[in-house]
Amino acid sequence: MAADRGAGADPASGAEAAALADRLKERIYATITMIAVVVGLSLGEVGALGAVATVVTTAVGLWLAAFVADQQAHRTVHRRFATGPELRRMLYVSSPLLSCAVGPAVLIALAALDVLSLHAALSAAAGVGVVSLFLWGCLGGLRMGGGTLTAVAAGLVDAVIGVAVALVKAAAGH
């Protein structure tokens, strides 16, 4: 019954909501990883071609690792390959791991065209990632029923945690 779901509840079915949650999880993970990559690149000596290759390779590597892990888990649990709707769900959920490279790649391309410096492009890419973590945190705070102050606090916490994780990954060379 709709009243049992609570005010402002997502009308998506359980399976749809689970797929959306899994997809958002992948987007957030990919964003944190990409922040670490662009911060690491900004601290080193790399050209635009090397930077874009690193960003794209990272995204493709993340996606392939997630896809292989999903397929292997499916085979282990269900004793068969994922096909049809199961395979489409895997691809849908993991696609943010690929799309996370678009923003940084565009900014790096602008640096290659001398529109801005490579350092500025990498810093902007990291900044956009941090802002997106903040906004997802705010949205989560609002969707949980918190007011504006709660949403901003949740956004700040998510952004700070994301930056901390990204800095640890960058320091570790990931």
N, C-alpha and C. Protein backbone atom coordinates (compact mmCIF):
# COMPACT_ATOMS: atom_id res chain seq x y z
N MET A 1 0.84 -1.17 0.00
CA MET A 1 0.00 0.00 0.00
C MET A 1 0.89 1.24 0.00
N ALA A 2 0.54 2.23 -0.77
CA ALA A 2 1.37 3.43 -0.93
C ALA A 2 1.56 4.16 0.39
N ALA A 3 0.55 4.18 1.24
CA ALA A 3 0.68 4.89 2.51
C ALA A 3 1.71 4.24 3.41
N ASP A 4 1.91 2.93 3.25
CA ASP A 4 2.89 2.22 4.08
C ASP A 4 4.33 2.57 3.72
N ARG A 5 4.55 3.11 2.53
CA ARG A 5 5.91 3.44 2.10
C ARG A 5 6.41 4.72 2.73
N GLY A 6 5.53 5.53 3.24
CA GLY A 6 5.94 6.79 3.85
C GLY A 6 5.90 7.92 2.85
N ALA A 7 5.87 9.12 3.36
CA ALA A 7 5.80 10.32 2.52
C ALA A 7 7.08 10.47 1.72
N GLY A 8 6.94 10.77 0.45
CA GLY A 8 8.10 11.03 -0.40
C GLY A 8 8.87 9.79 -0.77
N ALA A 9 8.31 8.60 -0.52
CA ALA A 9 9.02 7.37 -0.85
C ALA A 9 9.14 7.23 -2.35
N ASP A 10 10.19 6.56 -2.76
CA ASP A 10 10.42 6.32 -4.18
C ASP A 10 9.41 5.29 -4.66
N PRO A 11 8.69 5.60 -5.74
CA PRO A 11 7.68 4.66 -6.23
C PRO A 11 8.27 3.47 -6.99
N ALA A 12 9.59 3.44 -7.20
CA ALA A 12 10.20 2.36 -7.97
C ALA A 12 10.02 1.03 -7.24
N SER A 13 9.92 -0.03 -8.02
CA SER A 13 9.81 -1.36 -7.42
C SER A 13 11.09 -1.69 -6.68
N GLY A 14 11.05 -2.73 -5.89
CA GLY A 14 12.23 -3.14 -5.13
C GLY A 14 13.42 -3.42 -6.03
N ALA A 15 13.18 -4.13 -7.15
CA ALA A 15 14.28 -4.45 -8.07
C ALA A 15 14.81 -3.19 -8.75
N GLU A 16 13.90 -2.29 -9.14
CA GLU A 16 14.34 -1.03 -9.78
C GLU A 16 15.12 -0.17 -8.80
N ALA A 17 14.63 -0.09 -7.57
CA ALA A 17 15.31 0.70 -6.55
C ALA A 17 16.69 0.11 -6.25
N ALA A 18 16.78 -1.21 -6.21
CA ALA A 18 18.07 -1.86 -5.96
C ALA A 18 19.05 -1.57 -7.09
N ALA A 19 18.58 -1.61 -8.32
CA ALA A 19 19.45 -1.32 -9.47
C ALA A 19 19.91 0.14 -9.42
N LEU A 20 19.00 1.05 -9.10
CA LEU A 20 19.37 2.47 -8.99
C LEU A 20 20.38 2.69 -7.87
N ALA A 21 20.17 2.03 -6.74
CA ALA A 21 21.11 2.16 -5.62
C ALA A 21 22.48 1.61 -5.99
N ASP A 22 22.50 0.45 -6.65
CA ASP A 22 23.77 -0.14 -7.08
C ASP A 22 24.48 0.75 -8.09
N ARG A 23 23.72 1.34 -9.00
CA ARG A 23 24.29 2.23 -10.01
C ARG A 23 24.87 3.49 -9.36
N LEU A 24 24.16 4.05 -8.40
CA LEU A 24 24.65 5.23 -7.69
C LEU A 24 25.91 4.89 -6.89
N LYS A 25 25.93 3.71 -6.29
CA LYS A 25 27.12 3.27 -5.56
C LYS A 25 28.32 3.23 -6.50
N GLU A 26 28.13 2.68 -7.68
CA GLU A 26 29.23 2.62 -8.66
C GLU A 26 29.65 4.03 -9.09
N ARG A 27 28.69 4.93 -9.28
CA ARG A 27 29.00 6.31 -9.67
C ARG A 27 29.84 6.99 -8.59
N ILE A 28 29.46 6.80 -7.33
CA ILE A 28 30.20 7.43 -6.24
C ILE A 28 31.59 6.83 -6.13
N TYR A 29 31.69 5.50 -6.22
CA TYR A 29 32.99 4.84 -6.18
C TYR A 29 33.87 5.33 -7.32
N ALA A 30 33.31 5.41 -8.52
CA ALA A 30 34.08 5.87 -9.68
C ALA A 30 34.50 7.32 -9.52
N THR A 31 33.64 8.15 -8.96
CA THR A 31 33.98 9.56 -8.73
C THR A 31 35.14 9.69 -7.77
N ILE A 32 35.10 8.94 -6.67
CA ILE A 32 36.20 8.99 -5.70
C ILE A 32 37.49 8.50 -6.34
N THR A 33 37.41 7.42 -7.10
CA THR A 33 38.60 6.90 -7.77
C THR A 33 39.15 7.90 -8.78
N MET A 34 38.26 8.55 -9.54
CA MET A 34 38.72 9.51 -10.54
C MET A 34 39.32 10.74 -9.88
N ILE A 35 38.80 11.16 -8.72
CA ILE A 35 39.42 12.26 -7.98
C ILE A 35 40.85 11.87 -7.62
N ALA A 36 41.03 10.65 -7.14
CA ALA A 36 42.38 10.19 -6.78
C ALA A 36 43.30 10.18 -7.99
N VAL A 37 42.78 9.74 -9.12
CA VAL A 37 43.60 9.67 -10.34
C VAL A 37 44.03 11.06 -10.78
N VAL A 38 43.08 12.01 -10.86
CA VAL A 38 43.45 13.34 -11.35
C VAL A 38 44.32 14.08 -10.35
N VAL A 39 44.11 13.86 -9.05
CA VAL A 39 45.01 14.46 -8.05
C VAL A 39 46.41 13.89 -8.22
N GLY A 40 46.50 12.58 -8.37
CA GLY A 40 47.81 11.95 -8.59
C GLY A 40 48.49 12.47 -9.83
N LEU A 41 47.73 12.62 -10.90
CA LEU A 41 48.30 13.15 -12.14
C LEU A 41 48.77 14.59 -11.97
N SER A 42 48.02 15.38 -11.20
CA SER A 42 48.39 16.79 -11.03
C SER A 42 49.66 16.95 -10.22
N LEU A 43 50.02 15.94 -9.45
CA LEU A 43 51.22 16.00 -8.63
C LEU A 43 52.47 15.52 -9.37
N GLY A 44 52.29 14.96 -10.55
CA GLY A 44 53.42 14.41 -11.30
C GLY A 44 53.69 15.20 -12.56
N GLU A 45 54.62 14.68 -13.32
CA GLU A 45 54.98 15.27 -14.61
C GLU A 45 54.37 14.40 -15.69
N VAL A 46 53.28 14.88 -16.27
CA VAL A 46 52.59 14.12 -17.31
C VAL A 46 52.06 15.11 -18.34
N GLY A 47 52.00 14.67 -19.57
CA GLY A 47 51.42 15.49 -20.62
C GLY A 47 49.94 15.17 -20.79
N ALA A 48 49.30 15.91 -21.65
CA ALA A 48 47.86 15.73 -21.87
C ALA A 48 47.56 14.32 -22.40
N LEU A 49 48.37 13.82 -23.30
CA LEU A 49 48.13 12.49 -23.86
C LEU A 49 48.25 11.42 -22.77
N GLY A 50 49.29 11.52 -21.96
CA GLY A 50 49.46 10.56 -20.86
C GLY A 50 48.33 10.66 -19.85
N ALA A 51 47.89 11.89 -19.57
CA ALA A 51 46.81 12.09 -18.60
C ALA A 51 45.51 11.49 -19.10
N VAL A 52 45.16 11.76 -20.35
CA VAL A 52 43.91 11.22 -20.87
C VAL A 52 43.99 9.70 -20.99
N ALA A 53 45.15 9.18 -21.34
CA ALA A 53 45.31 7.72 -21.40
C ALA A 53 45.12 7.10 -20.01
N THR A 54 45.65 7.75 -18.99
CA THR A 54 45.51 7.25 -17.62
C THR A 54 44.06 7.28 -17.18
N VAL A 55 43.37 8.38 -17.46
CA VAL A 55 41.97 8.52 -17.07
C VAL A 55 41.12 7.47 -17.78
N VAL A 56 41.28 7.31 -19.07
CA VAL A 56 40.47 6.36 -19.83
C VAL A 56 40.81 4.92 -19.43
N THR A 57 42.09 4.63 -19.27
CA THR A 57 42.50 3.29 -18.87
C THR A 57 41.95 2.94 -17.49
N THR A 58 41.98 3.89 -16.58
CA THR A 58 41.43 3.67 -15.24
C THR A 58 39.95 3.35 -15.33
N ALA A 59 39.20 4.14 -16.09
CA ALA A 59 37.76 3.91 -16.20
C ALA A 59 37.46 2.55 -16.82
N VAL A 60 38.15 2.23 -17.90
CA VAL A 60 37.92 0.93 -18.56
C VAL A 60 38.32 -0.22 -17.63
N GLY A 61 39.42 -0.05 -16.93
CA GLY A 61 39.86 -1.08 -15.98
C GLY A 61 38.86 -1.29 -14.86
N LEU A 62 38.33 -0.20 -14.31
CA LEU A 62 37.31 -0.31 -13.27
C LEU A 62 36.08 -1.03 -13.80
N TRP A 63 35.64 -0.64 -14.98
CA TRP A 63 34.45 -1.24 -15.56
C TRP A 63 34.66 -2.73 -15.82
N LEU A 64 35.79 -3.08 -16.41
CA LEU A 64 36.06 -4.49 -16.69
C LEU A 64 36.14 -5.31 -15.41
N ALA A 65 36.78 -4.76 -14.38
CA ALA A 65 36.89 -5.47 -13.11
C ALA A 65 35.50 -5.69 -12.50
N ALA A 66 34.66 -4.67 -12.54
CA ALA A 66 33.31 -4.80 -11.99
C ALA A 66 32.50 -5.81 -12.80
N PHE A 67 32.60 -5.74 -14.12
CA PHE A 67 31.84 -6.65 -14.98
C PHE A 67 32.28 -8.10 -14.77
N VAL A 68 33.57 -8.33 -14.72
CA VAL A 68 34.08 -9.69 -14.49
C VAL A 68 33.64 -10.20 -13.12
N ALA A 69 33.73 -9.34 -12.10
CA ALA A 69 33.31 -9.74 -10.76
C ALA A 69 31.82 -10.05 -10.71
N ASP A 70 31.00 -9.21 -11.35
CA ASP A 70 29.56 -9.46 -11.39
C ASP A 70 29.24 -10.77 -12.10
N GLN A 71 29.88 -11.00 -13.24
CA GLN A 71 29.62 -12.22 -14.00
C GLN A 71 30.09 -13.45 -13.22
N GLN A 72 31.26 -13.35 -12.58
CA GLN A 72 31.76 -14.48 -11.81
C GLN A 72 30.87 -14.77 -10.61
N ALA A 73 30.42 -13.73 -9.92
CA ALA A 73 29.51 -13.93 -8.79
C ALA A 73 28.20 -14.56 -9.26
N HIS A 74 27.70 -14.10 -10.40
CA HIS A 74 26.47 -14.66 -10.93
C HIS A 74 26.65 -16.14 -11.26
N ARG A 75 27.76 -16.47 -11.93
CA ARG A 75 28.01 -17.88 -12.28
C ARG A 75 28.12 -18.74 -11.02
N THR A 76 28.75 -18.23 -10.00
CA THR A 76 28.95 -19.00 -8.78
C THR A 76 27.62 -19.24 -8.06
N VAL A 77 26.80 -18.21 -7.97
CA VAL A 77 25.54 -18.33 -7.25
C VAL A 77 24.47 -19.05 -8.07
N HIS A 78 24.35 -18.70 -9.35
CA HIS A 78 23.26 -19.24 -10.18
C HIS A 78 23.68 -20.41 -11.06
N ARG A 79 24.98 -20.72 -11.11
CA ARG A 79 25.51 -21.85 -11.87
C ARG A 79 25.31 -21.70 -13.37
N ARG A 80 25.31 -20.44 -13.83
CA ARG A 80 25.20 -20.16 -15.27
C ARG A 80 25.62 -18.71 -15.51
N PHE A 81 25.94 -18.39 -16.77
CA PHE A 81 26.27 -17.02 -17.13
C PHE A 81 25.02 -16.14 -17.04
N ALA A 82 25.23 -14.89 -16.73
CA ALA A 82 24.12 -13.93 -16.78
C ALA A 82 23.81 -13.64 -18.25
N THR A 83 22.55 -13.67 -18.58
CA THR A 83 22.11 -13.37 -19.94
C THR A 83 20.87 -12.50 -19.86
N GLY A 84 20.46 -11.97 -20.99
CA GLY A 84 19.22 -11.22 -21.08
C GLY A 84 19.13 -10.10 -20.06
N PRO A 85 18.03 -10.08 -19.29
CA PRO A 85 17.81 -8.99 -18.34
C PRO A 85 18.91 -8.89 -17.27
N GLU A 86 19.45 -10.03 -16.85
CA GLU A 86 20.51 -10.00 -15.84
C GLU A 86 21.76 -9.32 -16.39
N LEU A 87 22.11 -9.63 -17.61
CA LEU A 87 23.28 -9.02 -18.25
C LEU A 87 23.05 -7.53 -18.48
N ARG A 88 21.84 -7.17 -18.92
CA ARG A 88 21.52 -5.74 -19.12
C ARG A 88 21.61 -4.98 -17.80
N ARG A 89 21.17 -5.59 -16.71
CA ARG A 89 21.26 -4.94 -15.40
C ARG A 89 22.72 -4.73 -15.03
N MET A 90 23.55 -5.74 -15.23
CA MET A 90 24.99 -5.61 -14.94
C MET A 90 25.60 -4.44 -15.71
N LEU A 91 25.28 -4.37 -16.99
CA LEU A 91 25.83 -3.30 -17.83
C LEU A 91 25.28 -1.94 -17.41
N TYR A 92 24.01 -1.87 -17.07
CA TYR A 92 23.39 -0.63 -16.62
C TYR A 92 24.03 -0.14 -15.32
N VAL A 93 24.19 -1.06 -14.37
CA VAL A 93 24.74 -0.70 -13.06
C VAL A 93 26.21 -0.27 -13.18
N SER A 94 26.96 -0.93 -14.04
CA SER A 94 28.40 -0.65 -14.12
C SER A 94 28.76 0.49 -15.07
N SER A 95 27.81 0.98 -15.85
CA SER A 95 28.15 2.02 -16.84
C SER A 95 28.71 3.31 -16.24
N PRO A 96 28.36 3.72 -15.01
CA PRO A 96 29.00 4.92 -14.47
C PRO A 96 30.52 4.78 -14.31
N LEU A 97 30.99 3.56 -14.23
CA LEU A 97 32.43 3.35 -14.13
C LEU A 97 33.13 3.80 -15.41
N LEU A 98 32.44 3.73 -16.54
CA LEU A 98 32.97 4.24 -17.80
C LEU A 98 32.73 5.74 -17.94
N SER A 99 31.53 6.17 -17.61
CA SER A 99 31.18 7.58 -17.81
C SER A 99 31.94 8.52 -16.89
N CYS A 100 32.54 8.01 -15.83
CA CYS A 100 33.29 8.87 -14.92
C CYS A 100 34.52 9.48 -15.60
N ALA A 101 34.93 8.94 -16.73
CA ALA A 101 36.11 9.46 -17.43
C ALA A 101 35.77 10.62 -18.36
N VAL A 102 34.49 10.82 -18.66
CA VAL A 102 34.11 11.82 -19.67
C VAL A 102 34.52 13.23 -19.25
N GLY A 103 34.13 13.65 -18.06
CA GLY A 103 34.45 15.02 -17.60
C GLY A 103 35.94 15.29 -17.57
N PRO A 104 36.72 14.45 -16.89
CA PRO A 104 38.16 14.68 -16.89
C PRO A 104 38.78 14.62 -18.29
N ALA A 105 38.30 13.72 -19.14
CA ALA A 105 38.86 13.63 -20.50
C ALA A 105 38.57 14.90 -21.31
N VAL A 106 37.37 15.45 -21.15
CA VAL A 106 37.04 16.69 -21.85
C VAL A 106 37.93 17.83 -21.35
N LEU A 107 38.11 17.92 -20.05
CA LEU A 107 38.96 18.98 -19.49
C LEU A 107 40.41 18.82 -19.94
N ILE A 108 40.89 17.60 -19.98
CA ILE A 108 42.26 17.34 -20.45
C ILE A 108 42.37 17.69 -21.93
N ALA A 109 41.35 17.37 -22.71
CA ALA A 109 41.35 17.74 -24.13
C ALA A 109 41.42 19.25 -24.30
N LEU A 110 40.72 19.99 -23.45
CA LEU A 110 40.80 21.46 -23.49
C LEU A 110 42.21 21.93 -23.18
N ALA A 111 42.87 21.22 -22.26
CA ALA A 111 44.27 21.56 -21.96
C ALA A 111 45.16 21.27 -23.16
N ALA A 112 44.90 20.18 -23.85
CA ALA A 112 45.68 19.83 -25.04
C ALA A 112 45.49 20.87 -26.14
N LEU A 113 44.33 21.51 -26.14
CA LEU A 113 44.05 22.57 -27.13
C LEU A 113 44.50 23.95 -26.63
N ASP A 114 45.20 23.99 -25.52
CA ASP A 114 45.71 25.22 -24.90
C ASP A 114 44.61 26.19 -24.48
N VAL A 115 43.44 25.67 -24.16
CA VAL A 115 42.37 26.49 -23.63
C VAL A 115 42.64 26.79 -22.16
N LEU A 116 43.25 25.83 -21.46
CA LEU A 116 43.67 25.99 -20.08
C LEU A 116 44.87 25.09 -19.84
N SER A 117 45.54 25.30 -18.73
CA SER A 117 46.71 24.48 -18.45
C SER A 117 46.27 23.08 -18.02
N LEU A 118 47.16 22.12 -18.15
CA LEU A 118 46.84 20.76 -17.73
C LEU A 118 46.59 20.71 -16.24
N HIS A 119 47.40 21.43 -15.47
CA HIS A 119 47.20 21.46 -14.02
C HIS A 119 45.81 22.01 -13.68
N ALA A 120 45.40 23.08 -14.37
CA ALA A 120 44.06 23.66 -14.14
C ALA A 120 42.98 22.66 -14.52
N ALA A 121 43.17 21.94 -15.62
CA ALA A 121 42.19 20.95 -16.06
C ALA A 121 42.05 19.83 -15.04
N LEU A 122 43.17 19.34 -14.53
CA LEU A 122 43.14 18.27 -13.54
C LEU A 122 42.54 18.76 -12.22
N SER A 123 42.88 19.98 -11.83
CA SER A 123 42.30 20.55 -10.60
C SER A 123 40.80 20.74 -10.75
N ALA A 124 40.38 21.21 -11.92
CA ALA A 124 38.94 21.38 -12.17
C ALA A 124 38.23 20.04 -12.14
N ALA A 125 38.83 19.01 -12.71
CA ALA A 125 38.22 17.68 -12.71
C ALA A 125 38.06 17.18 -11.28
N ALA A 126 39.07 17.39 -10.44
CA ALA A 126 38.97 16.98 -9.04
C ALA A 126 37.88 17.79 -8.34
N GLY A 127 37.83 19.09 -8.62
CA GLY A 127 36.82 19.95 -8.01
C GLY A 127 35.41 19.55 -8.38
N VAL A 128 35.20 19.23 -9.65
CA VAL A 128 33.88 18.79 -10.10
C VAL A 128 33.50 17.49 -9.40
N GLY A 129 34.46 16.59 -9.23
CA GLY A 129 34.19 15.35 -8.52
C GLY A 129 33.77 15.59 -7.08
N VAL A 130 34.47 16.48 -6.40
CA VAL A 130 34.14 16.80 -5.01
C VAL A 130 32.75 17.44 -4.92
N VAL A 131 32.46 18.35 -5.83
CA VAL A 131 31.14 18.98 -5.84
C VAL A 131 30.05 17.93 -6.07
N SER A 132 30.30 16.98 -6.96
CA SER A 132 29.28 15.95 -7.21
C SER A 132 29.07 15.09 -5.97
N LEU A 133 30.14 14.77 -5.22
CA LEU A 133 29.97 14.03 -3.97
C LEU A 133 29.12 14.83 -2.98
N PHE A 134 29.40 16.12 -2.91
CA PHE A 134 28.62 17.00 -2.02
C PHE A 134 27.14 16.99 -2.42
N LEU A 135 26.88 17.13 -3.72
CA LEU A 135 25.49 17.18 -4.18
C LEU A 135 24.75 15.86 -3.95
N TRP A 136 25.44 14.72 -4.18
CA TRP A 136 24.81 13.43 -3.90
C TRP A 136 24.52 13.30 -2.42
N GLY A 137 25.42 13.79 -1.57
CA GLY A 137 25.18 13.76 -0.13
C GLY A 137 23.99 14.61 0.26
N CYS A 138 23.88 15.80 -0.34
CA CYS A 138 22.73 16.67 -0.08
C CYS A 138 21.43 15.99 -0.50
N LEU A 139 21.44 15.41 -1.68
CA LEU A 139 20.24 14.73 -2.17
C LEU A 139 19.85 13.59 -1.23
N GLY A 140 20.84 12.84 -0.78
CA GLY A 140 20.56 11.75 0.16
C GLY A 140 19.98 12.28 1.45
N GLY A 141 20.53 13.38 1.96
CA GLY A 141 20.00 13.98 3.18
C GLY A 141 18.56 14.44 3.01
N LEU A 142 18.27 15.04 1.87
CA LEU A 142 16.89 15.48 1.60
C LEU A 142 15.94 14.30 1.44
N ARG A 143 16.38 13.26 0.74
CA ARG A 143 15.53 12.10 0.51
C ARG A 143 15.24 11.32 1.79
N MET A 144 16.14 11.46 2.77
CA MET A 144 15.92 10.79 4.06
C MET A 144 14.97 11.60 4.94
N GLY A 145 14.53 12.76 4.44
CA GLY A 145 13.56 13.54 5.18
C GLY A 145 14.18 14.67 6.00
N GLY A 146 15.48 14.85 5.88
CA GLY A 146 16.13 15.93 6.62
C GLY A 146 15.85 17.26 5.95
N GLY A 147 16.00 18.31 6.70
CA GLY A 147 15.83 19.64 6.14
C GLY A 147 17.09 20.08 5.43
N THR A 148 17.13 21.35 5.08
CA THR A 148 18.26 21.90 4.34
C THR A 148 19.56 21.78 5.12
N LEU A 149 19.52 22.08 6.40
CA LEU A 149 20.74 22.01 7.21
C LEU A 149 21.28 20.58 7.28
N THR A 150 20.38 19.62 7.46
CA THR A 150 20.79 18.20 7.48
C THR A 150 21.37 17.79 6.13
N ALA A 151 20.74 18.24 5.06
CA ALA A 151 21.22 17.88 3.72
C ALA A 151 22.60 18.46 3.47
N VAL A 152 22.82 19.72 3.84
CA VAL A 152 24.13 20.35 3.65
C VAL A 152 25.18 19.63 4.50
N ALA A 153 24.82 19.28 5.72
CA ALA A 153 25.76 18.55 6.60
C ALA A 153 26.11 17.19 5.98
N ALA A 154 25.11 16.49 5.47
CA ALA A 154 25.36 15.19 4.82
C ALA A 154 26.25 15.37 3.60
N GLY A 155 25.99 16.42 2.83
CA GLY A 155 26.82 16.70 1.66
C GLY A 155 28.26 16.99 2.04
N LEU A 156 28.45 17.79 3.07
CA LEU A 156 29.81 18.10 3.52
C LEU A 156 30.53 16.86 4.02
N VAL A 157 29.83 16.03 4.79
CA VAL A 157 30.44 14.79 5.29
C VAL A 157 30.84 13.90 4.12
N ASP A 158 29.95 13.72 3.15
CA ASP A 158 30.27 12.87 1.99
C ASP A 158 31.45 13.43 1.20
N ALA A 159 31.47 14.74 1.01
CA ALA A 159 32.57 15.36 0.27
C ALA A 159 33.89 15.19 1.01
N VAL A 160 33.89 15.40 2.31
CA VAL A 160 35.12 15.27 3.11
C VAL A 160 35.62 13.83 3.10
N ILE A 161 34.71 12.89 3.30
CA ILE A 161 35.10 11.48 3.28
C ILE A 161 35.62 11.10 1.89
N GLY A 162 34.94 11.54 0.85
CA GLY A 162 35.38 11.25 -0.51
C GLY A 162 36.76 11.80 -0.79
N VAL A 163 37.01 13.04 -0.37
CA VAL A 163 38.33 13.64 -0.57
C VAL A 163 39.39 12.89 0.22
N ALA A 164 39.07 12.52 1.46
CA ALA A 164 40.04 11.79 2.28
C ALA A 164 40.40 10.45 1.63
N VAL A 165 39.39 9.72 1.16
CA VAL A 165 39.65 8.44 0.50
C VAL A 165 40.46 8.65 -0.77
N ALA A 166 40.10 9.67 -1.55
CA ALA A 166 40.83 9.95 -2.80
C ALA A 166 42.28 10.31 -2.51
N LEU A 167 42.53 11.10 -1.47
CA LEU A 167 43.90 11.47 -1.13
C LEU A 167 44.71 10.25 -0.67
N VAL A 168 44.08 9.37 0.09
CA VAL A 168 44.77 8.15 0.51
C VAL A 168 45.11 7.30 -0.72
N LYS A 169 44.14 7.17 -1.64
CA LYS A 169 44.40 6.39 -2.86
C LYS A 169 45.50 7.03 -3.69
N ALA A 170 45.47 8.36 -3.81
CA ALA A 170 46.49 9.06 -4.60
C ALA A 170 47.86 8.91 -3.95
N ALA A 171 47.91 8.99 -2.64
CA ALA A 171 49.18 8.84 -1.93
C ALA A 171 49.74 7.43 -2.06
N ALA A 172 48.82 6.45 -2.15
CA ALA A 172 49.25 5.06 -2.30
C ALA A 172 49.61 4.72 -3.74
N GLY A 173 49.39 5.67 -4.65
CA GLY A 173 49.75 5.44 -6.05
C GLY A 173 48.68 4.79 -6.86
N HIS A 174 47.42 4.83 -6.42
CA HIS A 174 46.31 4.21 -7.17
C HIS A 174 45.62 5.23 -8.01
